[in-house]
PDB file of N, CA and C in Angstrom:
ATOM      1  N   MET A   1      55.836 -24.157  13.525  1.00  0.00           N
ATOM      2  CA  MET A   1      55.967 -23.196  14.592  1.00  0.00           C
ATOM      3  C   MET A   1      55.625 -21.806  14.080  1.00  0.00           C
ATOM      4  N   GLY A   2      54.393 -21.422  14.182  1.00  0.00           N
ATOM      5  CA  GLY A   2      53.973 -20.092  13.772  1.00  0.00           C
ATOM      6  C   GLY A   2      54.176 -19.088  14.880  1.00  0.00           C
ATOM      7  N   ASN A   3      54.008 -17.843  14.556  1.00  0.00           N
ATOM      8  CA  ASN A   3      54.123 -16.770  15.535  1.00  0.00           C
ATOM      9  C   ASN A   3      52.782 -16.611  16.226  1.00  0.00           C
ATOM     10  N   ARG A   4      52.677 -17.178  17.402  1.00  0.00           N
ATOM     11  CA  ARG A   4      51.397 -17.148  18.128  1.00  0.00           C
ATOM     12  C   ARG A   4      51.428 -16.059  19.182  1.00  0.00           C
ATOM     13  N   SER A   5      50.363 -15.324  19.271  1.00  0.00           N
ATOM     14  CA  SER A   5      50.235 -14.259  20.266  1.00  0.00           C
ATOM     15  C   SER A   5      49.809 -14.862  21.593  1.00  0.00           C
ATOM     16  N   SER A   6      50.390 -14.383  22.653  1.00  0.00           N
ATOM     17  CA  SER A   6      50.025 -14.858  23.987  1.00  0.00           C
ATOM     18  C   SER A   6      48.746 -14.179  24.489  1.00  0.00           C
ATOM     19  N   GLY A   7      48.255 -13.197  23.753  1.00  0.00           N
ATOM     20  CA  GLY A   7      47.043 -12.498  24.167  1.00  0.00           C
ATOM     21  C   GLY A   7      47.310 -11.371  25.161  1.00  0.00           C
ATOM     22  N   ARG A   8      48.559 -11.150  25.515  1.00  0.00           N
ATOM     23  CA  ARG A   8      48.888 -10.081  26.458  1.00  0.00           C
ATOM     24  C   ARG A   8      49.190  -8.806  25.706  1.00  0.00           C
ATOM     25  N   ALA A   9      48.664  -7.721  26.187  1.00  0.00           N
ATOM     26  CA  ALA A   9      48.959  -6.416  25.601  1.00  0.00           C
ATOM     27  C   ALA A   9      50.032  -5.735  26.437  1.00  0.00           C
ATOM     28  N   PHE A  10      50.878  -4.990  25.786  1.00  0.00           N
ATOM     29  CA  PHE A  10      51.899  -4.248  26.505  1.00  0.00           C
ATOM     30  C   PHE A  10      51.348  -2.886  26.871  1.00  0.00           C
ATOM     31  N   GLY A  11      51.795  -2.355  27.989  1.00  0.00           N
ATOM     32  CA  GLY A  11      51.341  -1.056  28.450  1.00  0.00           C
ATOM     33  C   GLY A  11      50.864  -1.150  29.883  1.00  0.00           C
ATOM     34  N   PRO A  12      50.378  -0.034  30.420  1.00  0.00           N
ATOM     35  CA  PRO A  12      49.953  -0.022  31.815  1.00  0.00           C
ATOM     36  C   PRO A  12      48.697  -0.851  32.017  1.00  0.00           C
ATOM     37  N   PRO A  13      48.526  -1.412  33.208  1.00  0.00           N
ATOM     38  CA  PRO A  13      47.294  -2.138  33.504  1.00  0.00           C
ATOM     39  C   PRO A  13      46.083  -1.233  33.306  1.00  0.00           C
ATOM     40  N   GLU A  14      44.976  -1.818  32.934  1.00  0.00           N
ATOM     41  CA  GLU A  14      43.756  -1.054  32.634  1.00  0.00           C
ATOM     42  C   GLU A  14      43.326  -0.169  33.794  1.00  0.00           C
ATOM     43  N   SER A  15      43.429  -0.655  35.033  1.00  0.00           N
ATOM     44  CA  SER A  15      42.968   0.137  36.174  1.00  0.00           C
ATOM     45  C   SER A  15      43.790   1.404  36.333  1.00  0.00           C
ATOM     46  N   ASN A  16      45.096   1.350  36.088  1.00  0.00           N
ATOM     47  CA  ASN A  16      45.922   2.539  36.176  1.00  0.00           C
ATOM     48  C   ASN A  16      45.575   3.532  35.088  1.00  0.00           C
ATOM     49  N   HIS A  17      45.236   3.038  33.910  1.00  0.00           N
ATOM     50  CA  HIS A  17      44.880   3.908  32.791  1.00  0.00           C
ATOM     51  C   HIS A  17      43.669   4.768  33.151  1.00  0.00           C
ATOM     52  N   HIS A  18      42.659   4.182  33.765  1.00  0.00           N
ATOM     53  CA  HIS A  18      41.469   4.951  34.147  1.00  0.00           C
ATOM     54  C   HIS A  18      41.791   5.970  35.222  1.00  0.00           C
ATOM     55  N   ASP A  19      42.654   5.635  36.173  1.00  0.00           N
ATOM     56  CA  ASP A  19      43.049   6.590  37.208  1.00  0.00           C
ATOM     57  C   ASP A  19      43.758   7.781  36.596  1.00  0.00           C
ATOM     58  N   LEU A  20      44.626   7.540  35.609  1.00  0.00           N
ATOM     59  CA  LEU A  20      45.334   8.627  34.958  1.00  0.00           C
ATOM     60  C   LEU A  20      44.370   9.542  34.220  1.00  0.00           C
ATOM     61  N   GLU A  21      43.379   8.966  33.532  1.00  0.00           N
ATOM     62  CA  GLU A  21      42.408   9.783  32.816  1.00  0.00           C
ATOM     63  C   GLU A  21      41.627  10.668  33.770  1.00  0.00           C
ATOM     64  N   ARG A  22      41.244  10.133  34.911  1.00  0.00           N
ATOM     65  CA  ARG A  22      40.480  10.895  35.896  1.00  0.00           C
ATOM     66  C   ARG A  22      41.327  12.041  36.442  1.00  0.00           C
ATOM     67  N   ASP A  23      42.621  11.812  36.702  1.00  0.00           N
ATOM     68  CA  ASP A  23      43.499  12.823  37.267  1.00  0.00           C
ATOM     69  C   ASP A  23      43.822  13.933  36.280  1.00  0.00           C
ATOM     70  N   VAL A  24      43.749  13.672  34.978  1.00  0.00           N
ATOM     71  CA  VAL A  24      44.080  14.674  33.973  1.00  0.00           C
ATOM     72  C   VAL A  24      43.154  15.884  34.089  1.00  0.00           C
ATOM     73  N   ASP A  25      41.908  15.666  34.485  1.00  0.00           N
ATOM     74  CA  ASP A  25      40.945  16.748  34.583  1.00  0.00           C
ATOM     75  C   ASP A  25      41.181  17.647  35.789  1.00  0.00           C
ATOM     76  N   GLN A  26      41.924  17.191  36.767  1.00  0.00           N
ATOM     77  CA  GLN A  26      42.166  17.935  37.991  1.00  0.00           C
ATOM     78  C   GLN A  26      43.631  18.364  38.059  1.00  0.00           C
ATOM     79  N   PRO A  27      43.877  19.607  38.477  1.00  0.00           N
ATOM     80  CA  PRO A  27      45.285  19.984  38.679  1.00  0.00           C
ATOM     81  C   PRO A  27      45.855  19.228  39.867  1.00  0.00           C
ATOM     82  N   ARG A  28      47.137  18.984  39.854  1.00  0.00           N
ATOM     83  CA  ARG A  28      47.814  18.353  40.988  1.00  0.00           C
ATOM     84  C   ARG A  28      48.111  19.433  42.026  1.00  0.00           C
ATOM     85  N   VAL A  29      47.981  19.081  43.290  1.00  0.00           N
ATOM     86  CA  VAL A  29      48.309  20.000  44.374  1.00  0.00           C
ATOM     87  C   VAL A  29      49.730  19.682  44.831  1.00  0.00           C
ATOM     88  N   TYR A  30      50.573  20.710  44.823  1.00  0.00           N
ATOM     89  CA  TYR A  30      51.978  20.561  45.186  1.00  0.00           C
ATOM     90  C   TYR A  30      52.290  21.334  46.455  1.00  0.00           C
ATOM     91  N   GLN A  31      53.319  20.876  47.151  1.00  0.00           N
ATOM     92  CA  GLN A  31      53.948  21.622  48.232  1.00  0.00           C
ATOM     93  C   GLN A  31      55.397  21.846  47.833  1.00  0.00           C
ATOM     94  N   ILE A  32      55.786  23.116  47.803  1.00  0.00           N
ATOM     95  CA  ILE A  32      57.156  23.490  47.477  1.00  0.00           C
ATOM     96  C   ILE A  32      57.747  24.131  48.731  1.00  0.00           C
ATOM     97  N   ARG A  33      58.802  23.536  49.267  1.00  0.00           N
ATOM     98  CA  ARG A  33      59.436  24.056  50.486  1.00  0.00           C
ATOM     99  C   ARG A  33      60.743  24.747  50.100  1.00  0.00           C
ATOM    100  N   ILE A  34      60.875  26.010  50.556  1.00  0.00           N
ATOM    101  CA  ILE A  34      62.105  26.757  50.301  1.00  0.00           C
ATOM    102  C   ILE A  34      62.687  27.250  51.621  1.00  0.00           C
ATOM    103  N   LYS A  35      63.990  27.440  51.622  1.00  0.00           N
ATOM    104  CA  LYS A  35      64.698  27.881  52.831  1.00  0.00           C
ATOM    105  C   LYS A  35      64.584  29.400  52.946  1.00  0.00           C
ATOM    106  N   GLY A  36      64.097  29.860  54.085  1.00  0.00           N
ATOM    107  CA  GLY A  36      63.919  31.289  54.334  1.00  0.00           C
ATOM    108  C   GLY A  36      62.456  31.675  54.252  1.00  0.00           C
ATOM    109  N   HIS A  37      62.131  32.823  54.806  1.00  0.00           N
ATOM    110  CA  HIS A  37      60.757  33.322  54.786  1.00  0.00           C
ATOM    111  C   HIS A  37      60.567  34.313  53.651  1.00  0.00           C
ATOM    112  N   LEU A  38      59.464  34.158  52.942  1.00  0.00           N
ATOM    113  CA  LEU A  38      59.061  35.129  51.919  1.00  0.00           C
ATOM    114  C   LEU A  38      58.280  36.252  52.590  1.00  0.00           C
ATOM    115  N   GLY A  39      58.460  37.455  52.107  1.00  0.00           N
ATOM    116  CA  GLY A  39      57.674  38.582  52.599  1.00  0.00           C
ATOM    117  C   GLY A  39      56.317  38.636  51.923  1.00  0.00           C
ATOM    118  N   ARG A  40      55.421  39.449  52.490  1.00  0.00           N
ATOM    119  CA  ARG A  40      54.061  39.588  51.952  1.00  0.00           C
ATOM    120  C   ARG A  40      54.048  40.075  50.498  1.00  0.00           C
ATOM    121  N   GLN A  41      55.082  40.787  50.083  1.00  0.00           N
ATOM    122  CA  GLN A  41      55.117  41.317  48.718  1.00  0.00           C
ATOM    123  C   GLN A  41      55.145  40.213  47.659  1.00  0.00           C
ATOM    124  N   TRP A  42      55.451  38.989  48.041  1.00  0.00           N
ATOM    125  CA  TRP A  42      55.540  37.887  47.088  1.00  0.00           C
ATOM    126  C   TRP A  42      54.215  37.158  46.883  1.00  0.00           C
ATOM    127  N   VAL A  43      53.178  37.511  47.644  1.00  0.00           N
ATOM    128  CA  VAL A  43      51.878  36.831  47.527  1.00  0.00           C
ATOM    129  C   VAL A  43      51.354  36.907  46.096  1.00  0.00           C
ATOM    130  N   HIS A  44      51.453  38.076  45.466  1.00  0.00           N
ATOM    131  CA  HIS A  44      50.926  38.220  44.103  1.00  0.00           C
ATOM    132  C   HIS A  44      51.786  37.489  43.074  1.00  0.00           C
ATOM    133  N   TRP A  45      53.078  37.361  43.337  1.00  0.00           N
ATOM    134  CA  TRP A  45      53.971  36.671  42.402  1.00  0.00           C
ATOM    135  C   TRP A  45      53.665  35.180  42.381  1.00  0.00           C
ATOM    136  N   PHE A  46      53.240  34.671  43.538  1.00  0.00           N
ATOM    137  CA  PHE A  46      52.865  33.253  43.646  1.00  0.00           C
ATOM    138  C   PHE A  46      51.349  33.121  43.759  1.00  0.00           C
ATOM    139  N   GLU A  47      50.628  33.945  43.008  1.00  0.00           N
ATOM    140  CA  GLU A  47      49.166  33.937  43.026  1.00  0.00           C
ATOM    141  C   GLU A  47      48.642  32.534  42.767  1.00  0.00           C
ATOM    142  N   GLY A  48      47.652  32.150  43.568  1.00  0.00           N
ATOM    143  CA  GLY A  48      47.081  30.816  43.435  1.00  0.00           C
ATOM    144  C   GLY A  48      47.656  29.822  44.422  1.00  0.00           C
ATOM    145  N   LEU A  49      48.714  30.232  45.142  1.00  0.00           N
ATOM    146  CA  LEU A  49      49.334  29.340  46.116  1.00  0.00           C
ATOM    147  C   LEU A  49      49.178  29.921  47.523  1.00  0.00           C
ATOM    148  N   THR A  50      49.054  29.050  48.484  1.00  0.00           N
ATOM    149  CA  THR A  50      49.068  29.456  49.885  1.00  0.00           C
ATOM    150  C   THR A  50      50.523  29.516  50.321  1.00  0.00           C
ATOM    151  N   ILE A  51      50.894  30.600  50.978  1.00  0.00           N
ATOM    152  CA  ILE A  51      52.255  30.759  51.477  1.00  0.00           C
ATOM    153  C   ILE A  51      52.214  30.603  52.988  1.00  0.00           C
ATOM    154  N   THR A  52      52.906  29.582  53.489  1.00  0.00           N
ATOM    155  CA  THR A  52      52.953  29.316  54.920  1.00  0.00           C
ATOM    156  C   THR A  52      54.381  29.543  55.409  1.00  0.00           C
ATOM    157  N   LEU A  53      54.530  30.471  56.374  1.00  0.00           N
ATOM    158  CA  LEU A  53      55.830  30.742  56.974  1.00  0.00           C
ATOM    159  C   LEU A  53      55.971  29.842  58.194  1.00  0.00           C
ATOM    160  N   GLU A  54      56.902  28.915  58.125  1.00  0.00           N
ATOM    161  CA  GLU A  54      57.052  27.931  59.191  1.00  0.00           C
ATOM    162  C   GLU A  54      57.999  28.442  60.276  1.00  0.00           C
ATOM    163  N   GLU A  55      57.807  27.914  61.480  1.00  0.00           N
ATOM    164  CA  GLU A  55      58.597  28.344  62.629  1.00  0.00           C
ATOM    165  C   GLU A  55      60.085  28.078  62.453  1.00  0.00           C
ATOM    166  N   ASN A  56      60.444  27.063  61.673  1.00  0.00           N
ATOM    167  CA  ASN A  56      61.856  26.722  61.478  1.00  0.00           C
ATOM    168  C   ASN A  56      62.553  27.641  60.474  1.00  0.00           C
ATOM    169  N   GLY A  57      61.821  28.630  59.948  1.00  0.00           N
ATOM    170  CA  GLY A  57      62.408  29.578  59.008  1.00  0.00           C
ATOM    171  C   GLY A  57      62.162  29.254  57.549  1.00  0.00           C
ATOM    172  N   ASP A  58      61.522  28.123  57.250  1.00  0.00           N
ATOM    173  CA  ASP A  58      61.221  27.744  55.871  1.00  0.00           C
ATOM    174  C   ASP A  58      59.892  28.347  55.432  1.00  0.00           C
ATOM    175  N   THR A  59      59.682  28.400  54.129  1.00  0.00           N
ATOM    176  CA  THR A  59      58.403  28.808  53.540  1.00  0.00           C
ATOM    177  C   THR A  59      57.843  27.621  52.773  1.00  0.00           C
ATOM    178  N   LEU A  60      56.564  27.388  52.938  1.00  0.00           N
ATOM    179  CA  LEU A  60      55.875  26.312  52.236  1.00  0.00           C
ATOM    180  C   LEU A  60      54.857  26.942  51.290  1.00  0.00           C
ATOM    181  N   LEU A  61      55.013  26.678  49.992  1.00  0.00           N
ATOM    182  CA  LEU A  61      54.069  27.122  48.967  1.00  0.00           C
ATOM    183  C   LEU A  61      53.192  25.930  48.629  1.00  0.00           C
ATOM    184  N   THR A  62      51.879  26.073  48.759  1.00  0.00           N
ATOM    185  CA  THR A  62      50.973  24.953  48.533  1.00  0.00           C
ATOM    186  C   THR A  62      49.833  25.388  47.630  1.00  0.00           C
ATOM    187  N   GLY A  63      49.504  24.545  46.653  1.00  0.00           N
ATOM    188  CA  GLY A  63      48.353  24.843  45.818  1.00  0.00           C
ATOM    189  C   GLY A  63      48.335  24.036  44.541  1.00  0.00           C
ATOM    190  N   PRO A  64      47.243  24.208  43.785  1.00  0.00           N
ATOM    191  CA  PRO A  64      47.082  23.456  42.543  1.00  0.00           C
ATOM    192  C   PRO A  64      47.980  24.004  41.433  1.00  0.00           C
ATOM    193  N   VAL A  65      48.508  23.088  40.639  1.00  0.00           N
ATOM    194  CA  VAL A  65      49.336  23.433  39.489  1.00  0.00           C
ATOM    195  C   VAL A  65      48.741  22.693  38.296  1.00  0.00           C
ATOM    196  N   THR A  66      48.373  23.434  37.264  1.00  0.00           N
ATOM    197  CA  THR A  66      47.598  22.872  36.156  1.00  0.00           C
ATOM    198  C   THR A  66      48.331  21.826  35.333  1.00  0.00           C
ATOM    199  N   ASP A  67      49.639  22.029  35.111  1.00  0.00           N
ATOM    200  CA  ASP A  67      50.377  21.088  34.271  1.00  0.00           C
ATOM    201  C   ASP A  67      51.869  21.230  34.520  1.00  0.00           C
ATOM    202  N   GLN A  68      52.666  20.440  33.814  1.00  0.00           N
ATOM    203  CA  GLN A  68      54.111  20.450  33.998  1.00  0.00           C
ATOM    204  C   GLN A  68      54.727  21.786  33.614  1.00  0.00           C
ATOM    205  N   ALA A  69      54.200  22.443  32.591  1.00  0.00           N
ATOM    206  CA  ALA A  69      54.735  23.745  32.202  1.00  0.00           C
ATOM    207  C   ALA A  69      54.547  24.761  33.333  1.00  0.00           C
ATOM    208  N   ALA A  70      53.382  24.741  33.978  1.00  0.00           N
ATOM    209  CA  ALA A  70      53.128  25.646  35.097  1.00  0.00           C
ATOM    210  C   ALA A  70      54.041  25.324  36.278  1.00  0.00           C
ATOM    211  N   LEU A  71      54.288  24.041  36.512  1.00  0.00           N
ATOM    212  CA  LEU A  71      55.190  23.639  37.590  1.00  0.00           C
ATOM    213  C   LEU A  71      56.600  24.148  37.319  1.00  0.00           C
ATOM    214  N   HIS A  72      57.064  24.018  36.093  1.00  0.00           N
ATOM    215  CA  HIS A  72      58.396  24.518  35.745  1.00  0.00           C
ATOM    216  C   HIS A  72      58.460  26.035  35.906  1.00  0.00           C
ATOM    217  N   GLY A  73      57.368  26.727  35.585  1.00  0.00           N
ATOM    218  CA  GLY A  73      57.313  28.175  35.786  1.00  0.00           C
ATOM    219  C   GLY A  73      57.449  28.552  37.253  1.00  0.00           C
ATOM    220  N   LEU A  74      56.776  27.802  38.132  1.00  0.00           N
ATOM    221  CA  LEU A  74      56.896  28.050  39.574  1.00  0.00           C
ATOM    222  C   LEU A  74      58.325  27.805  40.054  1.00  0.00           C
ATOM    223  N   LEU A  75      58.911  26.719  39.602  1.00  0.00           N
ATOM    224  CA  LEU A  75      60.282  26.407  40.009  1.00  0.00           C
ATOM    225  C   LEU A  75      61.262  27.465  39.502  1.00  0.00           C
ATOM    226  N   LYS A  76      60.982  28.045  38.341  1.00  0.00           N
ATOM    227  CA  LYS A  76      61.818  29.128  37.817  1.00  0.00           C
ATOM    228  C   LYS A  76      61.704  30.359  38.719  1.00  0.00           C
ATOM    229  N   LYS A  77      60.498  30.643  39.209  1.00  0.00           N
ATOM    230  CA  LYS A  77      60.325  31.767  40.132  1.00  0.00           C
ATOM    231  C   LYS A  77      61.104  31.549  41.416  1.00  0.00           C
ATOM    232  N   VAL A  78      61.063  30.325  41.932  1.00  0.00           N
ATOM    233  CA  VAL A  78      61.826  30.003  43.145  1.00  0.00           C
ATOM    234  C   VAL A  78      63.315  30.209  42.874  1.00  0.00           C
ATOM    235  N   ARG A  79      63.782  29.740  41.741  1.00  0.00           N
ATOM    236  CA  ARG A  79      65.187  29.922  41.368  1.00  0.00           C
ATOM    237  C   ARG A  79      65.547  31.403  41.301  1.00  0.00           C
ATOM    238  N   ASP A  80      64.653  32.203  40.691  1.00  0.00           N
ATOM    239  CA  ASP A  80      64.914  33.631  40.532  1.00  0.00           C
ATOM    240  C   ASP A  80      64.959  34.372  41.865  1.00  0.00           C
ATOM    241  N   LEU A  81      64.291  33.833  42.884  1.00  0.00           N
ATOM    242  CA  LEU A  81      64.358  34.430  44.215  1.00  0.00           C
ATOM    243  C   LEU A  81      65.741  34.259  44.837  1.00  0.00           C
ATOM    244  N   GLY A  82      66.454  33.238  44.408  1.00  0.00           N
ATOM    245  CA  GLY A  82      67.758  32.952  44.978  1.00  0.00           C
ATOM    246  C   GLY A  82      67.675  32.237  46.312  1.00  0.00           C
ATOM    247  N   MET A  83      66.511  31.680  46.610  1.00  0.00           N
ATOM    248  CA  MET A  83      66.317  30.951  47.861  1.00  0.00           C
ATOM    249  C   MET A  83      66.424  29.455  47.565  1.00  0.00           C
ATOM    250  N   PRO A  84      67.137  28.709  48.406  1.00  0.00           N
ATOM    251  CA  PRO A  84      67.306  27.270  48.144  1.00  0.00           C
ATOM    252  C   PRO A  84      65.987  26.500  48.171  1.00  0.00           C
ATOM    253  N   LEU A  85      65.788  25.667  47.155  1.00  0.00           N
ATOM    254  CA  LEU A  85      64.657  24.743  47.098  1.00  0.00           C
ATOM    255  C   LEU A  85      64.988  23.549  47.979  1.00  0.00           C
ATOM    256  N   LEU A  86      64.130  23.265  48.970  1.00  0.00           N
ATOM    257  CA  LEU A  86      64.366  22.156  49.886  1.00  0.00           C
ATOM    258  C   LEU A  86      63.624  20.894  49.480  1.00  0.00           C
ATOM    259  N   SER A  87      62.378  21.054  48.993  1.00  0.00           N
ATOM    260  CA  SER A  87      61.618  19.868  48.590  1.00  0.00           C
ATOM    261  C   SER A  87      60.450  20.264  47.701  1.00  0.00           C
ATOM    262  N   LEU A  88      59.973  19.277  46.949  1.00  0.00           N
ATOM    263  CA  LEU A  88      58.798  19.409  46.093  1.00  0.00           C
ATOM    264  C   LEU A  88      58.016  18.116  46.222  1.00  0.00           C
ATOM    265  N   ASN A  89      56.751  18.221  46.632  1.00  0.00           N
ATOM    266  CA  ASN A  89      55.918  17.035  46.832  1.00  0.00           C
ATOM    267  C   ASN A  89      54.549  17.223  46.211  1.00  0.00           C
ATOM    268  N   THR A  90      54.008  16.153  45.645  1.00  0.00           N
ATOM    269  CA  THR A  90      52.618  16.123  45.209  1.00  0.00           C
ATOM    270  C   THR A  90      51.802  15.642  46.391  1.00  0.00           C
ATOM    271  N   ILE A  91      50.738  16.381  46.739  1.00  0.00           N
ATOM    272  CA  ILE A  91      49.930  15.966  47.885  1.00  0.00           C
ATOM    273  C   ILE A  91      48.507  15.586  47.507  1.00  0.00           C
ATOM    274  N   GLY A  92      48.175  15.606  46.228  1.00  0.00           N
ATOM    275  CA  GLY A  92      46.843  15.193  45.800  1.00  0.00           C
ATOM    276  C   GLY A  92      46.435  15.885  44.522  1.00  0.00           C
ATOM    277  N   THR A  93      45.152  15.817  44.223  1.00  0.00           N
ATOM    278  CA  THR A  93      44.601  16.485  43.051  1.00  0.00           C
ATOM    279  C   THR A  93      43.392  17.284  43.465  1.00  0.00           C
ATOM    280  N   GLY A  94      43.052  18.272  42.653  1.00  0.00           N
ATOM    281  CA  GLY A  94      41.841  19.035  42.878  1.00  0.00           C
ATOM    282  C   GLY A  94      42.119  20.463  43.269  1.00  0.00           C
ATOM    283  N   PRO A  95      41.081  21.285  43.216  1.00  0.00           N
ATOM    284  CA  PRO A  95      41.218  22.708  43.548  1.00  0.00           C
ATOM    285  C   PRO A  95      41.420  22.891  45.050  1.00  0.00           C
ATOM    286  N   GLN A  96      41.916  24.047  45.407  1.00  0.00           N
ATOM    287  CA  GLN A  96      42.161  24.369  46.812  1.00  0.00           C
ATOM    288  C   GLN A  96      42.037  25.877  46.973  1.00  0.00           C
ATOM    289  N   ASP A  97      41.545  26.358  48.109  1.00  0.00           N
ATOM    290  CA  ASP A  97      41.527  27.780  48.399  1.00  0.00           C
ATOM    291  C   ASP A  97      42.966  28.238  48.530  1.00  0.00           C
ATOM    292  N   THR A  98      43.288  29.380  47.891  1.00  0.00           N
ATOM    293  CA  THR A  98      44.683  29.773  47.818  1.00  0.00           C
ATOM    294  C   THR A  98      44.846  31.271  47.997  1.00  0.00           C
ATOM    295  N   SER A  99      46.065  31.755  47.741  1.00  0.00           N
ATOM    296  CA  SER A  99      46.436  33.160  47.785  1.00  0.00           C
ATOM    297  C   SER A  99      46.290  33.767  49.174  1.00  0.00           C
ATOM    298  N   GLU A 100      46.954  33.167  50.124  1.00  0.00           N
ATOM    299  CA  GLU A 100      46.961  33.724  51.467  1.00  0.00           C
ATOM    300  C   GLU A 100      48.318  33.465  52.093  1.00  0.00           C
ATOM    301  N   VAL A 101      48.616  34.240  53.117  1.00  0.00           N
ATOM    302  CA  VAL A 101      49.836  34.037  53.881  1.00  0.00           C
ATOM    303  C   VAL A 101      49.450  33.647  55.279  1.00  0.00           C
ATOM    304  N   ARG A 102      50.068  32.588  55.793  1.00  0.00           N
ATOM    305  CA  ARG A 102      49.806  32.142  57.170  1.00  0.00           C
ATOM    306  C   ARG A 102      51.053  32.263  57.991  1.00  0.00           C
TER     307      ARG A 102
END
């Protein structure tokens, strides 16, 4: 009874590996929802993100984030505002036109 290999490799399936490599080149696009409306003076602080003031009183920050460190930096800014974070969602990858208030 020798130690025979089943021929299976451990790790993610090959197809997922290629998808991850392709996504690494593109920033992820996030939506960050906070409670309350941001004023126009915050556009430069959140440069690179679209700021949408919603009718329900929430603010939606949307745009590309290059990596996890940049995402943590954005979340730190939200924390420093003292406004409650309601949600954080990934909505895709790739560049997006940004730096506007709607």
